Amino acid sequence: MTDDTEPRESPFPSRGDSPDVDLDDRPYAIYRCQDCRNTVLSMQDCEGGMTCHGEPMETVTETAMRVEPPDLREVLLDAFGLPKMGLDICLCVIGDGPLSPKEVAERLDYDESTIRTYLNELADIGLLQKSQLNREGGGFVTVYHSIDLAEMRRETLTGFYVWAGEAAALIEQANLTKEDYLGEDYSEGLEEVFWERFREGRPPDADG
């Protein structure tokens, strides 16, 4: 028999000594409608606040949930599928471009064929541009360079907001599904099968 009085090891990864996020000291603001579920994130200081239904929204100054702030690599990996090597390559081209795949490989000491694959992916998602330069001896070479920085800021924020919107929709779906599930009088809580089926995109009452 298990002794429930003994402390159990947490199933969550250690958060270390990271401090709580102080919403009063962040470069963004969160607004919440007092009449509906609408919650808005803004990267700008909205003078006079924001409105919903024609009424002022409440500025969120604290959250009951503890949030572990991500670092840049985590954000780029989660939102754009950009791992460390991709970030290194992107920053190299932004700083020193235009560069050919061979020149990037020489600077970073990565395999040139891998560099070429990443450069094309970075161009496809809009973080870099590629063009062709004529060689002095004839022919041409493909080089990669940064897009306009103002455009990069706008596009990366837009792309991230799409990702954040998808994440918010998943959380909302989970909450509504949980509400329906508990409404069926599952008084003992959510069984593991519920979460497994939710991850697979199936409703909790679907057949195995």
N, C-alpha and C. Protein backbone atom coordinates (compact mmCIF):
# COMPACT_ATOMS: atom_id res chain seq x y z
N MET A 1 0.85 -1.19 0.00
CA MET A 1 0.00 0.00 0.00
C MET A 1 0.88 1.24 0.00
N THR A 2 0.49 2.25 -0.77
CA THR A 2 1.30 3.46 -0.87
C THR A 2 0.96 4.41 0.26
N ASP A 3 2.01 4.97 0.87
CA ASP A 3 1.82 5.95 1.93
C ASP A 3 1.67 7.32 1.30
N ASP A 4 0.43 7.83 1.25
CA ASP A 4 0.16 9.12 0.60
C ASP A 4 0.70 10.30 1.39
N THR A 5 1.17 10.04 2.63
CA THR A 5 1.70 11.15 3.42
C THR A 5 3.13 11.47 3.02
N GLU A 6 3.82 10.56 2.32
CA GLU A 6 5.19 10.83 1.91
C GLU A 6 5.20 11.75 0.71
N PRO A 7 6.16 12.70 0.68
CA PRO A 7 6.24 13.62 -0.46
C PRO A 7 6.57 12.87 -1.73
N ARG A 8 5.92 13.23 -2.83
CA ARG A 8 6.16 12.60 -4.10
C ARG A 8 7.00 13.50 -5.00
N GLU A 9 7.79 12.88 -5.81
CA GLU A 9 8.60 13.65 -6.75
C GLU A 9 7.68 14.27 -7.80
N SER A 10 7.90 15.55 -8.09
CA SER A 10 7.05 16.24 -9.06
C SER A 10 7.28 15.68 -10.45
N PRO A 11 6.18 15.47 -11.22
CA PRO A 11 6.32 14.98 -12.59
C PRO A 11 6.74 16.08 -13.55
N PHE A 12 6.75 17.33 -13.08
CA PHE A 12 7.09 18.45 -13.95
C PHE A 12 8.59 18.73 -13.89
N PRO A 13 9.18 19.19 -15.00
CA PRO A 13 10.60 19.54 -14.98
C PRO A 13 10.86 20.70 -14.03
N SER A 14 12.06 20.72 -13.46
CA SER A 14 12.42 21.76 -12.51
C SER A 14 12.43 23.12 -13.18
N ARG A 15 11.86 24.11 -12.49
CA ARG A 15 11.87 25.47 -13.01
C ARG A 15 13.07 26.26 -12.53
N GLY A 16 13.93 25.62 -11.73
CA GLY A 16 15.10 26.32 -11.23
C GLY A 16 14.69 27.47 -10.32
N ASP A 17 15.45 28.55 -10.41
CA ASP A 17 15.19 29.71 -9.57
C ASP A 17 14.61 30.86 -10.37
N SER A 18 13.93 30.56 -11.48
CA SER A 18 13.39 31.63 -12.31
C SER A 18 12.30 32.38 -11.55
N PRO A 19 12.33 33.72 -11.58
CA PRO A 19 11.36 34.52 -10.84
C PRO A 19 10.00 34.53 -11.54
N ASP A 20 8.98 34.89 -10.79
CA ASP A 20 7.66 35.08 -11.39
C ASP A 20 7.71 36.26 -12.36
N VAL A 21 6.88 36.21 -13.38
CA VAL A 21 6.83 37.30 -14.35
C VAL A 21 6.06 38.47 -13.75
N ASP A 22 6.68 39.65 -13.75
CA ASP A 22 6.03 40.86 -13.25
C ASP A 22 5.39 41.56 -14.44
N LEU A 23 4.06 41.50 -14.54
CA LEU A 23 3.36 42.07 -15.69
C LEU A 23 3.42 43.59 -15.73
N ASP A 24 3.80 44.22 -14.62
CA ASP A 24 3.93 45.68 -14.62
C ASP A 24 5.23 46.13 -15.26
N ASP A 25 6.14 45.19 -15.51
CA ASP A 25 7.45 45.57 -16.00
C ASP A 25 7.79 44.81 -17.28
N ARG A 26 6.81 44.63 -18.15
CA ARG A 26 7.03 43.88 -19.39
C ARG A 26 6.82 44.78 -20.60
N PRO A 27 7.44 44.46 -21.74
CA PRO A 27 7.29 45.29 -22.95
C PRO A 27 5.99 45.01 -23.70
N TYR A 28 5.02 44.46 -23.03
CA TYR A 28 3.72 44.18 -23.63
C TYR A 28 2.64 44.43 -22.58
N ALA A 29 1.41 44.45 -23.02
CA ALA A 29 0.29 44.62 -22.11
C ALA A 29 -0.79 43.61 -22.46
N ILE A 30 -1.49 43.14 -21.46
CA ILE A 30 -2.59 42.19 -21.65
C ILE A 30 -3.87 42.84 -21.14
N TYR A 31 -4.90 42.80 -21.98
CA TYR A 31 -6.19 43.39 -21.63
C TYR A 31 -7.25 42.30 -21.63
N ARG A 32 -8.20 42.41 -20.69
CA ARG A 32 -9.25 41.41 -20.55
C ARG A 32 -10.61 42.11 -20.51
N CYS A 33 -11.53 41.59 -21.33
CA CYS A 33 -12.89 42.13 -21.31
C CYS A 33 -13.58 41.67 -20.03
N GLN A 34 -14.33 42.55 -19.41
CA GLN A 34 -15.02 42.21 -18.17
C GLN A 34 -16.37 41.57 -18.41
N ASP A 35 -16.80 41.54 -19.69
CA ASP A 35 -18.12 40.99 -20.01
C ASP A 35 -18.07 39.69 -20.81
N CYS A 36 -16.95 39.41 -21.49
CA CYS A 36 -16.85 38.19 -22.29
C CYS A 36 -15.47 37.57 -22.09
N ARG A 37 -15.14 36.56 -22.87
CA ARG A 37 -13.88 35.84 -22.70
C ARG A 37 -12.72 36.48 -23.44
N ASN A 38 -12.95 37.59 -24.11
CA ASN A 38 -11.93 38.20 -24.94
C ASN A 38 -10.74 38.67 -24.12
N THR A 39 -9.54 38.22 -24.51
CA THR A 39 -8.29 38.64 -23.90
C THR A 39 -7.35 39.04 -25.02
N VAL A 40 -6.68 40.18 -24.88
CA VAL A 40 -5.88 40.75 -25.96
C VAL A 40 -4.46 41.00 -25.49
N LEU A 41 -3.49 40.64 -26.33
CA LEU A 41 -2.09 40.93 -26.09
C LEU A 41 -1.67 42.07 -27.01
N SER A 42 -1.01 43.07 -26.48
CA SER A 42 -0.53 44.18 -27.30
C SER A 42 0.94 44.44 -27.02
N MET A 43 1.73 44.63 -28.09
CA MET A 43 3.15 44.97 -27.94
C MET A 43 3.35 46.47 -27.84
N GLN A 44 2.27 47.23 -27.94
CA GLN A 44 2.35 48.69 -27.87
C GLN A 44 1.63 49.18 -26.62
N ASP A 45 2.07 50.34 -26.15
CA ASP A 45 1.38 50.98 -25.04
C ASP A 45 0.17 51.70 -25.60
N CYS A 46 -0.99 51.09 -25.44
CA CYS A 46 -2.21 51.66 -26.01
C CYS A 46 -2.71 52.78 -25.11
N GLU A 47 -2.51 54.01 -25.57
CA GLU A 47 -2.91 55.17 -24.78
C GLU A 47 -4.42 55.13 -24.55
N GLY A 48 -4.80 55.15 -23.31
CA GLY A 48 -6.22 55.08 -22.99
C GLY A 48 -6.75 53.66 -22.93
N GLY A 49 -5.87 52.67 -23.14
CA GLY A 49 -6.28 51.27 -23.05
C GLY A 49 -6.99 50.79 -24.30
N MET A 50 -7.63 49.62 -24.19
CA MET A 50 -8.37 49.04 -25.31
C MET A 50 -9.83 48.85 -24.91
N THR A 51 -10.67 48.70 -25.93
CA THR A 51 -12.10 48.54 -25.66
C THR A 51 -12.63 47.26 -26.28
N CYS A 52 -13.70 46.75 -25.72
CA CYS A 52 -14.42 45.60 -26.25
C CYS A 52 -15.90 45.87 -26.00
N HIS A 53 -16.75 45.68 -27.02
CA HIS A 53 -18.17 46.03 -26.93
C HIS A 53 -18.36 47.52 -26.63
N GLY A 54 -17.35 48.32 -27.02
CA GLY A 54 -17.45 49.75 -26.76
C GLY A 54 -17.12 50.15 -25.33
N GLU A 55 -16.69 49.19 -24.52
CA GLU A 55 -16.37 49.46 -23.12
C GLU A 55 -14.88 49.22 -22.87
N PRO A 56 -14.29 49.97 -21.93
CA PRO A 56 -12.86 49.80 -21.63
C PRO A 56 -12.57 48.38 -21.13
N MET A 57 -11.43 47.84 -21.59
CA MET A 57 -11.00 46.53 -21.12
C MET A 57 -10.11 46.70 -19.89
N GLU A 58 -10.11 45.69 -19.06
CA GLU A 58 -9.30 45.71 -17.84
C GLU A 58 -7.86 45.34 -18.17
N THR A 59 -6.90 46.10 -17.64
CA THR A 59 -5.49 45.76 -17.80
C THR A 59 -5.13 44.66 -16.81
N VAL A 60 -4.58 43.56 -17.31
CA VAL A 60 -4.20 42.44 -16.46
C VAL A 60 -2.85 42.75 -15.83
N THR A 61 -2.79 42.78 -14.52
CA THR A 61 -1.55 43.12 -13.82
C THR A 61 -0.90 41.93 -13.14
N GLU A 62 -1.62 40.82 -13.04
CA GLU A 62 -1.04 39.62 -12.44
C GLU A 62 -1.79 38.40 -12.94
N THR A 63 -1.14 37.25 -12.83
CA THR A 63 -1.76 36.00 -13.25
C THR A 63 -1.63 34.97 -12.15
N ALA A 64 -2.67 34.16 -11.99
CA ALA A 64 -2.65 33.14 -10.94
C ALA A 64 -1.71 31.99 -11.31
N MET A 65 -1.49 31.81 -12.63
CA MET A 65 -0.63 30.72 -13.08
C MET A 65 0.80 31.20 -13.21
N ARG A 66 1.72 30.39 -12.75
CA ARG A 66 3.13 30.74 -12.89
C ARG A 66 3.58 30.37 -14.30
N VAL A 67 4.22 31.30 -14.97
CA VAL A 67 4.65 31.10 -16.35
C VAL A 67 6.16 31.08 -16.41
N GLU A 68 6.69 30.09 -17.10
CA GLU A 68 8.13 29.99 -17.30
C GLU A 68 8.49 30.74 -18.58
N PRO A 69 9.15 31.90 -18.48
CA PRO A 69 9.47 32.66 -19.69
C PRO A 69 10.37 31.86 -20.62
N PRO A 70 10.07 31.85 -21.93
CA PRO A 70 10.91 31.12 -22.88
C PRO A 70 12.15 31.93 -23.25
N ASP A 71 13.13 31.28 -23.86
CA ASP A 71 14.22 32.04 -24.45
C ASP A 71 14.00 32.08 -25.97
N LEU A 72 14.83 32.86 -26.65
CA LEU A 72 14.62 33.09 -28.07
C LEU A 72 14.63 31.80 -28.87
N ARG A 73 15.55 30.89 -28.53
CA ARG A 73 15.66 29.65 -29.30
C ARG A 73 14.41 28.81 -29.14
N GLU A 74 13.85 28.76 -27.92
CA GLU A 74 12.62 27.99 -27.70
C GLU A 74 11.48 28.56 -28.53
N VAL A 75 11.37 29.90 -28.57
CA VAL A 75 10.29 30.52 -29.32
C VAL A 75 10.42 30.22 -30.81
N LEU A 76 11.63 30.39 -31.35
CA LEU A 76 11.83 30.15 -32.78
C LEU A 76 11.66 28.68 -33.14
N LEU A 77 12.02 27.80 -32.22
CA LEU A 77 11.83 26.37 -32.47
C LEU A 77 10.35 26.02 -32.45
N ASP A 78 9.64 26.49 -31.42
CA ASP A 78 8.22 26.13 -31.28
C ASP A 78 7.36 26.77 -32.36
N ALA A 79 7.60 28.06 -32.63
CA ALA A 79 6.73 28.78 -33.55
C ALA A 79 7.08 28.54 -35.02
N PHE A 80 8.36 28.46 -35.32
CA PHE A 80 8.78 28.38 -36.72
C PHE A 80 9.56 27.10 -37.05
N GLY A 81 9.74 26.22 -36.06
CA GLY A 81 10.52 25.00 -36.31
C GLY A 81 11.97 25.30 -36.58
N LEU A 82 12.50 26.37 -35.98
CA LEU A 82 13.87 26.82 -36.25
C LEU A 82 14.80 26.40 -35.11
N PRO A 83 15.57 25.33 -35.28
CA PRO A 83 16.47 24.87 -34.22
C PRO A 83 17.73 25.73 -34.13
N LYS A 84 18.63 25.36 -33.22
CA LYS A 84 19.82 26.17 -32.97
C LYS A 84 20.62 26.42 -34.24
N MET A 85 20.84 25.40 -35.03
CA MET A 85 21.64 25.58 -36.24
C MET A 85 20.98 26.58 -37.17
N GLY A 86 19.66 26.49 -37.31
CA GLY A 86 18.95 27.44 -38.16
C GLY A 86 19.08 28.86 -37.66
N LEU A 87 19.02 29.03 -36.33
CA LEU A 87 19.18 30.36 -35.75
C LEU A 87 20.58 30.88 -35.99
N ASP A 88 21.58 30.04 -35.80
CA ASP A 88 22.97 30.44 -36.05
C ASP A 88 23.16 30.91 -37.49
N ILE A 89 22.60 30.15 -38.42
CA ILE A 89 22.74 30.48 -39.84
C ILE A 89 22.01 31.78 -40.15
N CYS A 90 20.81 31.93 -39.63
CA CYS A 90 20.03 33.13 -39.87
C CYS A 90 20.77 34.37 -39.36
N LEU A 91 21.28 34.31 -38.13
CA LEU A 91 21.98 35.45 -37.55
C LEU A 91 23.27 35.75 -38.30
N CYS A 92 23.94 34.71 -38.79
CA CYS A 92 25.17 34.89 -39.56
C CYS A 92 24.89 35.69 -40.83
N VAL A 93 23.84 35.31 -41.54
CA VAL A 93 23.50 35.99 -42.80
C VAL A 93 23.01 37.41 -42.53
N ILE A 94 22.21 37.60 -41.48
CA ILE A 94 21.73 38.93 -41.14
C ILE A 94 22.90 39.86 -40.83
N GLY A 95 23.89 39.31 -40.12
CA GLY A 95 25.03 40.14 -39.71
C GLY A 95 26.05 40.38 -40.80
N ASP A 96 26.30 39.37 -41.65
CA ASP A 96 27.41 39.45 -42.60
C ASP A 96 27.00 39.37 -44.07
N GLY A 97 25.72 39.12 -44.36
CA GLY A 97 25.29 38.89 -45.73
C GLY A 97 25.42 40.11 -46.62
N PRO A 98 25.27 39.89 -47.95
CA PRO A 98 24.87 38.61 -48.57
C PRO A 98 26.01 37.60 -48.57
N LEU A 99 25.65 36.34 -48.35
CA LEU A 99 26.63 35.26 -48.29
C LEU A 99 26.15 34.07 -49.10
N SER A 100 27.08 33.35 -49.69
CA SER A 100 26.77 32.10 -50.37
C SER A 100 26.76 30.97 -49.34
N PRO A 101 26.16 29.83 -49.66
CA PRO A 101 26.20 28.70 -48.72
C PRO A 101 27.63 28.33 -48.32
N LYS A 102 28.55 28.39 -49.26
CA LYS A 102 29.94 28.06 -48.96
C LYS A 102 30.52 29.03 -47.95
N GLU A 103 30.23 30.31 -48.09
CA GLU A 103 30.76 31.31 -47.16
C GLU A 103 30.15 31.15 -45.77
N VAL A 104 28.87 30.81 -45.71
CA VAL A 104 28.24 30.58 -44.41
C VAL A 104 28.87 29.36 -43.74
N ALA A 105 29.09 28.30 -44.52
CA ALA A 105 29.70 27.07 -43.99
C ALA A 105 31.10 27.36 -43.44
N GLU A 106 31.86 28.19 -44.13
CA GLU A 106 33.22 28.52 -43.67
C GLU A 106 33.18 29.31 -42.37
N ARG A 107 32.20 30.18 -42.20
CA ARG A 107 32.11 30.99 -40.98
C ARG A 107 31.64 30.15 -39.79
N LEU A 108 30.73 29.22 -40.02
CA LEU A 108 30.13 28.48 -38.92
C LEU A 108 30.70 27.08 -38.74
N ASP A 109 31.50 26.64 -39.69
CA ASP A 109 32.10 25.29 -39.64
C ASP A 109 31.02 24.21 -39.62
N TYR A 110 29.97 24.41 -40.42
CA TYR A 110 28.94 23.41 -40.62
C TYR A 110 29.08 22.82 -42.03
N ASP A 111 28.50 21.64 -42.23
CA ASP A 111 28.52 21.01 -43.54
C ASP A 111 27.77 21.88 -44.55
N GLU A 112 28.37 22.08 -45.74
CA GLU A 112 27.78 23.00 -46.71
C GLU A 112 26.42 22.52 -47.22
N SER A 113 26.25 21.23 -47.41
CA SER A 113 24.95 20.74 -47.90
C SER A 113 23.85 20.98 -46.86
N THR A 114 24.20 20.85 -45.58
CA THR A 114 23.24 21.14 -44.52
C THR A 114 22.92 22.63 -44.48
N ILE A 115 23.96 23.44 -44.64
CA ILE A 115 23.78 24.89 -44.68
C ILE A 115 22.81 25.28 -45.79
N ARG A 116 23.00 24.66 -46.97
CA ARG A 116 22.18 24.98 -48.12
C ARG A 116 20.70 24.65 -47.84
N THR A 117 20.47 23.51 -47.19
CA THR A 117 19.10 23.12 -46.85
C THR A 117 18.46 24.13 -45.91
N TYR A 118 19.20 24.52 -44.88
CA TYR A 118 18.66 25.48 -43.92
C TYR A 118 18.41 26.83 -44.57
N LEU A 119 19.33 27.29 -45.43
CA LEU A 119 19.17 28.58 -46.08
C LEU A 119 17.89 28.62 -46.93
N ASN A 120 17.64 27.54 -47.64
CA ASN A 120 16.43 27.49 -48.45
C ASN A 120 15.17 27.49 -47.59
N GLU A 121 15.23 26.78 -46.46
CA GLU A 121 14.09 26.78 -45.54
C GLU A 121 13.87 28.17 -44.96
N LEU A 122 14.95 28.85 -44.59
CA LEU A 122 14.84 30.19 -44.02
C LEU A 122 14.28 31.17 -45.04
N ALA A 123 14.64 30.98 -46.30
CA ALA A 123 14.08 31.81 -47.36
C ALA A 123 12.60 31.50 -47.57
N ASP A 124 12.25 30.23 -47.47
CA ASP A 124 10.85 29.82 -47.68
C ASP A 124 9.92 30.39 -46.61
N ILE A 125 10.41 30.46 -45.36
CA ILE A 125 9.54 30.98 -44.30
C ILE A 125 9.62 32.49 -44.18
N GLY A 126 10.46 33.12 -45.01
CA GLY A 126 10.47 34.58 -45.07
C GLY A 126 11.46 35.29 -44.18
N LEU A 127 12.37 34.55 -43.53
CA LEU A 127 13.36 35.20 -42.68
C LEU A 127 14.56 35.70 -43.47
N LEU A 128 14.83 35.10 -44.62
CA LEU A 128 15.93 35.51 -45.49
C LEU A 128 15.43 35.64 -46.92
N GLN A 129 16.20 36.31 -47.74
CA GLN A 129 15.94 36.37 -49.17
C GLN A 129 17.14 35.78 -49.90
N LYS A 130 16.90 35.26 -51.09
CA LYS A 130 18.02 34.79 -51.90
C LYS A 130 17.97 35.43 -53.27
N SER A 131 19.16 35.63 -53.83
CA SER A 131 19.27 36.24 -55.15
C SER A 131 20.52 35.69 -55.82
N GLN A 132 20.74 36.08 -57.03
CA GLN A 132 21.90 35.60 -57.79
C GLN A 132 22.82 36.76 -58.14
N LEU A 133 24.11 36.57 -57.89
CA LEU A 133 25.12 37.56 -58.24
C LEU A 133 25.98 37.01 -59.36
N ASN A 134 26.29 37.87 -60.31
CA ASN A 134 27.16 37.46 -61.42
C ASN A 134 28.60 37.33 -60.95
N ARG A 135 29.26 36.27 -61.38
CA ARG A 135 30.68 36.08 -61.09
C ARG A 135 31.51 36.90 -62.07
N GLU A 136 32.68 37.34 -61.62
CA GLU A 136 33.56 38.10 -62.51
C GLU A 136 34.01 37.26 -63.69
N GLY A 137 34.21 35.98 -63.49
CA GLY A 137 34.68 35.10 -64.56
C GLY A 137 33.55 34.48 -65.36
N GLY A 138 32.33 34.93 -65.11
CA GLY A 138 31.18 34.37 -65.81
C GLY A 138 30.35 33.48 -64.90
N GLY A 139 29.12 33.30 -65.25
CA GLY A 139 28.21 32.50 -64.43
C GLY A 139 27.68 33.33 -63.28
N PHE A 140 27.06 32.66 -62.33
CA PHE A 140 26.49 33.36 -61.19
C PHE A 140 26.56 32.48 -59.96
N VAL A 141 26.37 33.11 -58.80
CA VAL A 141 26.35 32.40 -57.53
C VAL A 141 25.11 32.82 -56.75
N THR A 142 24.47 31.88 -56.10
CA THR A 142 23.30 32.17 -55.27
C THR A 142 23.76 32.66 -53.90
N VAL A 143 23.25 33.79 -53.49
CA VAL A 143 23.60 34.34 -52.18
C VAL A 143 22.32 34.59 -51.39
N TYR A 144 22.48 34.67 -50.07
CA TYR A 144 21.34 34.89 -49.17
C TYR A 144 21.61 36.15 -48.36
N HIS A 145 20.56 36.91 -48.10
CA HIS A 145 20.72 38.14 -47.34
C HIS A 145 19.45 38.40 -46.55
N SER A 146 19.56 39.35 -45.62
CA SER A 146 18.44 39.65 -44.73
C SER A 146 17.35 40.40 -45.49
N ILE A 147 16.11 40.16 -45.09
CA ILE A 147 15.03 40.99 -45.58
C ILE A 147 15.09 42.31 -44.81
N ASP A 148 14.31 43.29 -45.23
CA ASP A 148 14.23 44.55 -44.52
C ASP A 148 13.88 44.30 -43.06
N LEU A 149 14.63 44.92 -42.14
CA LEU A 149 14.45 44.61 -40.72
C LEU A 149 13.05 44.99 -40.21
N ALA A 150 12.49 46.10 -40.73
CA ALA A 150 11.13 46.46 -40.31
C ALA A 150 10.14 45.41 -40.79
N GLU A 151 10.37 44.90 -42.01
CA GLU A 151 9.49 43.86 -42.53
C GLU A 151 9.66 42.56 -41.75
N MET A 152 10.92 42.26 -41.37
CA MET A 152 11.17 41.04 -40.59
C MET A 152 10.45 41.13 -39.24
N ARG A 153 10.51 42.28 -38.61
CA ARG A 153 9.85 42.44 -37.32
C ARG A 153 8.34 42.22 -37.48
N ARG A 154 7.77 42.83 -38.51
CA ARG A 154 6.33 42.72 -38.73
C ARG A 154 5.93 41.28 -39.04
N GLU A 155 6.68 40.64 -39.94
CA GLU A 155 6.32 39.29 -40.36
C GLU A 155 6.54 38.25 -39.27
N THR A 156 7.65 38.38 -38.51
CA THR A 156 7.90 37.41 -37.45
C THR A 156 6.87 37.55 -36.33
N LEU A 157 6.48 38.80 -36.01
CA LEU A 157 5.45 38.98 -34.99
C LEU A 157 4.11 38.44 -35.47
N THR A 158 3.79 38.69 -36.75
CA THR A 158 2.54 38.16 -37.30
C THR A 158 2.54 36.64 -37.26
N GLY A 159 3.67 36.05 -37.70
CA GLY A 159 3.78 34.59 -37.67
C GLY A 159 3.66 34.04 -36.26
N PHE A 160 4.29 34.73 -35.30
CA PHE A 160 4.20 34.25 -33.93
C PHE A 160 2.78 34.39 -33.39
N TYR A 161 2.08 35.47 -33.74
CA TYR A 161 0.71 35.64 -33.27
C TYR A 161 -0.21 34.56 -33.84
N VAL A 162 0.08 34.13 -35.08
CA VAL A 162 -0.69 33.01 -35.63
C VAL A 162 -0.45 31.76 -34.78
N TRP A 163 0.83 31.50 -34.45
CA TRP A 163 1.17 30.34 -33.61
C TRP A 163 0.51 30.48 -32.23
N ALA A 164 0.59 31.69 -31.64
CA ALA A 164 -0.01 31.90 -30.32
C ALA A 164 -1.52 31.74 -30.38
N GLY A 165 -2.13 32.18 -31.49
CA GLY A 165 -3.57 32.02 -31.65
C GLY A 165 -3.96 30.55 -31.73
N GLU A 166 -3.15 29.76 -32.44
CA GLU A 166 -3.41 28.32 -32.51
C GLU A 166 -3.27 27.68 -31.14
N ALA A 167 -2.25 28.12 -30.38
CA ALA A 167 -2.06 27.59 -29.03
C ALA A 167 -3.22 27.97 -28.13
N ALA A 168 -3.69 29.23 -28.24
CA ALA A 168 -4.83 29.68 -27.43
C ALA A 168 -6.08 28.90 -27.79
N ALA A 169 -6.26 28.61 -29.10
CA ALA A 169 -7.43 27.84 -29.52
C ALA A 169 -7.39 26.42 -28.95
N LEU A 170 -6.20 25.83 -28.86
CA LEU A 170 -6.07 24.50 -28.27
C LEU A 170 -6.43 24.52 -26.79
N ILE A 171 -5.96 25.55 -26.08
CA ILE A 171 -6.28 25.67 -24.65
C ILE A 171 -7.78 25.84 -24.46
N GLU A 172 -8.39 26.68 -25.31
CA GLU A 172 -9.85 26.88 -25.22
C GLU A 172 -10.59 25.58 -25.51
N GLN A 173 -10.11 24.85 -26.52
CA GLN A 173 -10.74 23.57 -26.86
C GLN A 173 -10.61 22.59 -25.71
N ALA A 174 -9.45 22.57 -25.06
CA ALA A 174 -9.24 21.66 -23.93
C ALA A 174 -10.18 22.01 -22.79
N ASN A 175 -10.33 23.30 -22.51
CA ASN A 175 -11.22 23.71 -21.43
C ASN A 175 -12.67 23.34 -21.72
N LEU A 176 -13.11 23.58 -22.96
CA LEU A 176 -14.50 23.26 -23.31
C LEU A 176 -14.73 21.75 -23.31
N THR A 177 -13.73 21.00 -23.81
CA THR A 177 -13.86 19.54 -23.82
C THR A 177 -13.89 19.00 -22.40
N LYS A 178 -13.07 19.57 -21.54
CA LYS A 178 -13.06 19.16 -20.14
C LYS A 178 -14.42 19.45 -19.50
N GLU A 179 -14.97 20.61 -19.84
CA GLU A 179 -16.28 20.99 -19.30
C GLU A 179 -17.35 19.98 -19.72
N ASP A 180 -17.35 19.60 -20.99
CA ASP A 180 -18.30 18.60 -21.48
C ASP A 180 -18.08 17.25 -20.80
N TYR A 181 -16.81 16.91 -20.64
CA TYR A 181 -16.46 15.62 -20.05
C TYR A 181 -16.96 15.52 -18.61
N LEU A 182 -16.71 16.58 -17.85
CA LEU A 182 -17.15 16.57 -16.46
C LEU A 182 -18.67 16.66 -16.36
N GLY A 183 -19.31 17.26 -17.40
CA GLY A 183 -20.76 17.33 -17.41
C GLY A 183 -21.42 15.97 -17.53
N GLU A 184 -20.66 14.96 -17.93
CA GLU A 184 -21.18 13.60 -18.04
C GLU A 184 -21.07 12.85 -16.71
N ASP A 185 -20.83 13.62 -15.64
CA ASP A 185 -20.79 13.07 -14.29
C ASP A 185 -19.61 12.12 -14.08
N TYR A 186 -18.45 12.50 -14.62
CA TYR A 186 -17.22 11.77 -14.29
C TYR A 186 -16.68 12.37 -13.01
N SER A 187 -17.29 11.97 -11.91
CA SER A 187 -17.02 12.61 -10.64
C SER A 187 -15.60 12.37 -10.13
N GLU A 188 -14.93 11.35 -10.65
CA GLU A 188 -13.59 11.06 -10.16
C GLU A 188 -12.51 11.79 -10.94
N GLY A 189 -12.89 12.68 -11.83
CA GLY A 189 -11.90 13.48 -12.54
C GLY A 189 -11.60 12.94 -13.92
N LEU A 190 -10.58 13.50 -14.53
CA LEU A 190 -10.21 13.16 -15.89
C LEU A 190 -9.24 11.99 -15.92
N GLU A 191 -9.67 10.91 -16.54
CA GLU A 191 -8.81 9.75 -16.65
C GLU A 191 -7.78 9.97 -17.74
N GLU A 192 -6.71 9.21 -17.71
CA GLU A 192 -5.64 9.36 -18.70
C GLU A 192 -6.16 9.15 -20.11
N VAL A 193 -7.16 8.29 -20.26
CA VAL A 193 -7.69 8.02 -21.60
C VAL A 193 -8.26 9.30 -22.21
N PHE A 194 -8.79 10.19 -21.39
CA PHE A 194 -9.31 11.47 -21.89
C PHE A 194 -8.21 12.26 -22.57
N TRP A 195 -7.07 12.38 -21.87
CA TRP A 195 -5.98 13.19 -22.43
C TRP A 195 -5.38 12.53 -23.66
N GLU A 196 -5.29 11.20 -23.64
CA GLU A 196 -4.75 10.50 -24.79
C GLU A 196 -5.63 10.74 -26.02
N ARG A 197 -6.93 10.67 -25.83
CA ARG A 197 -7.84 10.88 -26.95
C ARG A 197 -7.85 12.33 -27.40
N PHE A 198 -7.70 13.25 -26.44
CA PHE A 198 -7.67 14.66 -26.81
C PHE A 198 -6.42 14.96 -27.64
N ARG A 199 -5.27 14.39 -27.25
CA ARG A 199 -4.04 14.61 -28.01
C ARG A 199 -4.17 14.09 -29.43
N GLU A 200 -4.92 13.02 -29.58
CA GLU A 200 -5.08 12.41 -30.91
C GLU A 200 -6.17 13.10 -31.73
N GLY A 201 -6.79 14.13 -31.15
CA GLY A 201 -7.82 14.87 -31.88
C GLY A 201 -9.16 14.19 -31.87
N ARG A 202 -9.37 13.22 -30.98
CA ARG A 202 -10.66 12.54 -30.89
C ARG A 202 -11.43 13.01 -29.67
N PRO A 203 -12.74 13.07 -29.72
CA PRO A 203 -13.52 13.44 -28.52
C PRO A 203 -13.36 12.37 -27.45
N PRO A 204 -13.50 12.74 -26.16
CA PRO A 204 -13.29 11.80 -25.07
C PRO A 204 -14.18 10.58 -25.12
N ASP A 205 -15.38 10.70 -25.70
CA ASP A 205 -16.27 9.56 -25.69
C ASP A 205 -16.15 8.71 -26.95
N ALA A 206 -15.11 8.98 -27.79
CA ALA A 206 -14.94 8.18 -29.00
C ALA A 206 -14.50 6.78 -28.64
N ASP A 207 -14.88 5.83 -29.47
CA ASP A 207 -14.47 4.46 -29.26
C ASP A 207 -12.98 4.32 -29.50
N GLY A 208 -12.35 3.35 -28.76
CA GLY A 208 -10.92 3.14 -28.93
C GLY A 208 -10.57 2.79 -30.32
